[in-house]
Amino acid sequence: MVDDRWMAADIVLTPAGFMKKCRTSPDAFIQLILQLSYYRDAGRFCLTYEASMTRLFREGRTETLRPCTMESSAWVTAMENPNATIEERLDLFQKASARHQLGYQDAMAGRGIDRHLFCLYVVSKYLELDSPFLQEVFNEPWRLSTSQTPHGQTSTLDLKKHPKCISAGGGFGPVADDGYGVSYIIAGEDIVFFHVSSKKSCPKTSSSNFVKQIERSLKDVQDLFNEFNKQKNGIKNSK
């Protein structure tokens, strides 16, 4: 059944092999792309949710990873600054990627933020205590809600026979009224699926526009690495 409350858009891209050449975590790569895309779409940064598994623990479910960091914001700002050099942008990209990987490792190992905050919330309710800090934290909107969906959910999805096929992984709606829900699947070496959703009732968001920003951001990052490699090879050849 189609839900007329949501506006959804799908995109199939093929940068997975390129991400490996960049020597960075594919998940960090995509999350930085989403940060740049959201900033270009909305003109601001926002609190971002990414689901992280806690399978190291018995009956562990999920923790929240917050991809919008000081490092990622610095890189996005540099990408939008025409005076920033290629070296500066690439250095900030690598720092932001490393920070994301550290956050992912912390969340997976039980050193995340949000489950601890939830425990404090439960205790405060039990003790009947009002906490202005917790009220502020839990009232902050997650305008960008993201999750990587595992590939291989069905044996009928043959990417070699149907390379343009949209995965059966599906997606989810936005958490905030003026936000986006973005699910993505890294499907092997050659394909990445994105599913973007937003509310039709919100005039500030557009799933199709956000998809265009994802395409633009991916191209800009690919150009960034290619240009850097050209300069590096040119210096080597001149010696």
Protein backbone atom coordinates (compact mmCIF):
# COMPACT_ATOMS: atom_id res chain seq x y z
CA MET A 1 0.00 0.00 0.00
CA VAL A 2 1.37 3.42 -0.94
CA ASP A 3 1.47 5.98 1.87
CA ASP A 4 0.63 9.42 0.47
CA ARG A 5 2.32 11.12 3.43
CA TRP A 6 5.81 10.34 2.14
CA MET A 7 7.78 11.48 -0.86
CA ALA A 8 10.42 8.89 -1.75
CA ALA A 9 13.22 8.84 -4.30
CA ASP A 10 15.68 6.09 -5.17
CA ILE A 11 19.12 6.30 -6.71
CA VAL A 12 21.55 3.65 -7.94
CA LEU A 13 25.22 4.66 -8.12
CA THR A 14 28.47 2.84 -8.73
CA PRO A 15 31.18 4.39 -6.53
CA ALA A 16 31.89 1.44 -4.20
CA GLY A 17 35.12 0.42 -5.94
CA PHE A 18 36.24 4.04 -5.92
CA MET A 19 35.66 4.28 -2.16
CA LYS A 20 38.18 1.50 -1.58
CA LYS A 21 40.77 3.37 -3.63
CA CYS A 22 40.32 6.32 -1.29
CA ARG A 23 41.48 4.08 1.58
CA THR A 24 38.62 5.08 3.81
CA SER A 25 35.71 3.30 5.45
CA PRO A 26 32.84 2.99 2.94
CA ASP A 27 30.34 3.90 5.66
CA ALA A 28 32.36 6.98 6.66
CA PHE A 29 32.61 7.95 2.99
CA ILE A 30 28.84 7.77 2.49
CA GLN A 31 28.06 9.58 5.74
CA LEU A 32 30.33 12.46 4.74
CA ILE A 33 28.57 12.56 1.38
CA LEU A 34 25.25 12.82 3.22
CA GLN A 35 26.56 15.63 5.44
CA LEU A 36 27.67 17.62 2.40
CA SER A 37 24.41 16.88 0.59
CA TYR A 38 22.25 17.96 3.51
CA TYR A 39 24.20 21.20 3.97
CA ARG A 40 23.78 22.02 0.29
CA ASP A 41 20.09 21.16 0.45
CA ALA A 42 19.21 22.97 3.70
CA GLY A 43 22.01 25.50 4.10
CA ARG A 44 22.84 24.32 7.62
CA PHE A 45 24.09 21.38 9.65
CA CYS A 46 21.73 19.19 11.63
CA LEU A 47 21.65 16.50 14.29
CA THR A 48 22.14 13.23 12.39
CA TYR A 49 21.17 9.71 13.42
CA GLU A 50 22.88 6.55 12.21
CA ALA A 51 22.06 3.12 13.58
CA SER A 52 25.02 1.14 14.95
CA MET A 53 24.89 -2.50 16.02
CA THR A 54 25.97 -3.65 19.50
CA ARG A 55 26.24 -7.35 18.80
CA LEU A 56 29.36 -7.65 20.95
CA PHE A 57 26.98 -7.71 23.91
CA ARG A 58 24.47 -10.38 24.81
CA GLU A 59 21.04 -9.29 23.59
CA GLY A 60 22.68 -6.12 22.28
CA ARG A 61 20.57 -4.27 19.73
CA THR A 62 21.53 -0.82 18.55
CA GLU A 63 23.31 2.35 19.59
CA THR A 64 23.14 5.77 17.94
CA LEU A 65 26.09 7.07 15.97
CA ARG A 66 26.14 10.84 15.42
CA PRO A 67 27.84 11.50 12.05
CA CYS A 68 27.57 15.30 12.26
CA THR A 69 30.82 16.13 14.05
CA MET A 70 33.16 19.10 14.32
CA GLU A 71 35.44 17.33 11.84
CA SER A 72 32.73 16.60 9.28
CA SER A 73 31.42 20.17 9.54
CA ALA A 74 34.92 21.54 8.95
CA TRP A 75 35.27 19.43 5.80
CA VAL A 76 31.85 20.46 4.46
CA THR A 77 32.71 24.11 5.09
CA ALA A 78 35.96 23.66 3.16
CA MET A 79 34.14 22.04 0.25
CA GLU A 80 31.87 25.09 0.04
CA ASN A 81 34.79 27.52 0.36
CA PRO A 82 36.15 28.36 -3.11
CA ASN A 83 39.44 29.49 -1.56
CA ALA A 84 40.14 26.12 0.10
CA THR A 85 42.89 24.12 -1.60
CA ILE A 86 42.65 20.51 -2.71
CA GLU A 87 45.17 19.52 -0.06
CA GLU A 88 43.16 21.24 2.69
CA ARG A 89 39.92 19.62 1.60
CA LEU A 90 41.50 16.17 1.36
CA ASP A 91 43.18 16.52 4.76
CA LEU A 92 39.89 17.53 6.38
CA PHE A 93 38.10 14.65 4.62
CA GLN A 94 40.55 12.13 6.04
CA LYS A 95 40.27 13.62 9.55
CA ALA A 96 36.47 13.54 9.37
CA SER A 97 36.53 9.95 8.13
CA ALA A 98 38.83 8.89 10.98
CA ARG A 99 36.56 10.62 13.49
CA HIS A 100 33.54 8.79 12.10
CA GLN A 101 35.28 5.44 12.34
CA LEU A 102 36.22 6.16 15.95
CA GLY A 103 32.62 7.05 16.74
CA TYR A 104 31.43 3.83 15.11
CA GLN A 105 33.89 1.76 17.13
CA ASP A 106 32.88 3.50 20.36
CA ALA A 107 29.17 2.93 19.70
CA MET A 108 29.74 -0.74 18.86
CA ALA A 109 31.81 -1.26 22.02
CA GLY A 110 29.27 0.30 24.38
CA ARG A 111 30.98 3.68 24.59
CA GLY A 112 28.23 5.54 22.74
CA ILE A 113 26.16 8.46 23.95
CA ASP A 114 22.46 7.86 23.46
CA ARG A 115 21.91 4.57 25.31
CA HIS A 116 23.55 6.12 28.36
CA LEU A 117 21.32 9.16 28.02
CA PHE A 118 18.28 6.90 27.78
CA CYS A 119 19.32 5.10 30.99
CA LEU A 120 19.60 8.47 32.74
CA TYR A 121 16.13 9.32 31.45
CA VAL A 122 14.66 6.07 32.80
CA VAL A 123 16.29 6.64 36.20
CA SER A 124 15.03 10.23 36.32
CA LYS A 125 11.49 9.04 35.68
CA TYR A 126 11.81 6.37 38.37
CA LEU A 127 13.05 8.96 40.87
CA GLU A 128 10.46 11.47 39.65
CA LEU A 129 13.13 14.06 38.95
CA ASP A 130 12.92 16.73 36.27
CA SER A 131 16.13 17.20 34.32
CA PRO A 132 16.35 20.32 32.10
CA PHE A 133 19.42 18.77 30.47
CA LEU A 134 17.61 15.56 29.47
CA GLN A 135 14.55 17.49 28.35
CA GLU A 136 16.70 19.57 26.03
CA VAL A 137 18.56 16.53 24.68
CA PHE A 138 15.44 14.50 23.90
CA ASN A 139 13.63 17.46 22.33
CA GLU A 140 16.34 17.98 19.70
CA PRO A 141 15.01 16.89 16.27
CA TRP A 142 16.85 14.29 14.19
CA ARG A 143 16.45 16.02 10.83
CA LEU A 144 18.66 13.49 9.07
CA SER A 145 17.97 9.87 9.99
CA THR A 146 20.18 7.30 8.26
CA SER A 147 20.89 3.58 8.29
CA GLN A 148 22.96 1.17 6.23
CA THR A 149 20.91 -1.83 5.18
CA PRO A 150 22.70 -5.20 4.88
CA HIS A 151 22.97 -6.54 1.36
CA GLY A 152 21.97 -10.08 0.39
CA GLN A 153 18.55 -10.05 2.03
CA THR A 154 17.08 -12.04 -0.83
CA SER A 155 18.58 -14.54 -3.25
CA THR A 156 16.37 -13.28 -6.07
CA LEU A 157 18.28 -10.00 -6.35
CA ASP A 158 20.85 -10.68 -9.10
CA LEU A 159 22.79 -7.47 -9.65
CA LYS A 160 24.70 -8.88 -12.61
CA LYS A 161 21.49 -9.61 -14.53
CA HIS A 162 19.67 -6.51 -13.31
CA PRO A 163 22.28 -3.81 -12.51
CA LYS A 164 19.64 -1.05 -12.42
CA CYS A 165 17.41 -2.90 -9.98
CA ILE A 166 16.35 -1.04 -6.83
CA SER A 167 17.02 -3.30 -3.88
CA ALA A 168 14.21 -4.86 -1.90
CA GLY A 169 15.87 -3.40 1.20
CA GLY A 170 13.33 -0.58 1.17
CA GLY A 171 13.52 2.46 3.38
CA PHE A 172 11.84 4.39 6.17
CA GLY A 173 10.19 7.74 6.74
CA PRO A 174 11.81 10.82 8.24
CA VAL A 175 11.87 11.18 12.02
CA ALA A 176 11.35 14.97 11.98
CA ASP A 177 8.57 16.70 10.05
CA ASP A 178 11.17 18.78 8.20
CA GLY A 179 13.76 16.03 7.87
CA TYR A 180 14.88 13.14 5.67
CA GLY A 181 15.06 9.39 6.08
CA VAL A 182 17.97 7.88 4.14
CA SER A 183 18.73 4.19 3.88
CA TYR A 184 21.60 2.90 1.77
CA ILE A 185 23.03 -0.43 0.71
CA ILE A 186 26.63 -1.04 -0.32
CA ALA A 187 25.96 -3.84 -2.79
CA GLY A 188 29.34 -5.44 -3.37
CA GLU A 189 32.12 -3.70 -5.29
CA ASP A 190 30.18 -1.78 -7.89
CA ILE A 191 26.80 -0.52 -6.68
CA VAL A 192 25.39 1.61 -3.88
CA PHE A 193 21.63 2.04 -3.44
CA PHE A 194 20.10 5.11 -1.76
CA HIS A 195 16.47 5.44 -0.68
CA VAL A 196 15.49 8.96 0.40
CA SER A 197 12.17 9.91 2.00
CA SER A 198 10.60 13.14 3.24
CA LYS A 199 7.14 14.41 4.14
CA LYS A 200 4.97 15.83 1.37
CA SER A 201 3.49 18.26 3.89
CA CYS A 202 6.85 20.00 4.39
CA PRO A 203 7.69 22.69 1.79
CA LYS A 204 11.33 22.81 2.93
CA THR A 205 12.25 19.24 1.97
CA SER A 206 12.29 17.37 -1.33
CA SER A 207 13.48 13.79 -1.73
CA SER A 208 14.25 14.27 -5.43
CA ASN A 209 16.30 17.40 -4.73
CA PHE A 210 18.21 15.63 -1.99
CA VAL A 211 19.03 12.79 -4.38
CA LYS A 212 20.43 15.34 -6.83
CA GLN A 213 22.63 16.72 -4.06
CA ILE A 214 23.91 13.20 -3.32
CA GLU A 215 24.86 12.79 -6.98
CA ARG A 216 26.58 16.18 -6.99
CA SER A 217 28.47 15.49 -3.76
CA LEU A 218 29.70 12.12 -4.99
CA LYS A 219 30.99 13.67 -8.19
CA ASP A 220 32.70 16.49 -6.30
CA VAL A 221 34.48 14.08 -3.94
CA GLN A 222 35.51 11.87 -6.83
CA ASP A 223 36.89 14.92 -8.65
CA LEU A 224 38.70 15.94 -5.46
CA PHE A 225 40.58 12.65 -5.20
CA ASN A 226 41.24 12.43 -8.94
CA GLU A 227 42.66 15.95 -9.06
CA PHE A 228 44.85 15.28 -6.04
CA ASN A 229 46.22 12.11 -7.65
CA LYS A 230 46.91 13.98 -10.89
CA GLN A 231 48.90 16.62 -9.02
CA LYS A 232 50.79 13.97 -7.07
CA ASN A 233 51.66 12.02 -10.22
CA GLY A 234 52.67 15.24 -11.97
CA ILE A 235 55.11 16.04 -9.18
CA LYS A 236 56.57 12.53 -9.36
CA ASN A 237 57.00 12.70 -13.14
CA SER A 238 58.72 16.09 -12.93
CA LYS A 239 61.44 14.74 -10.65
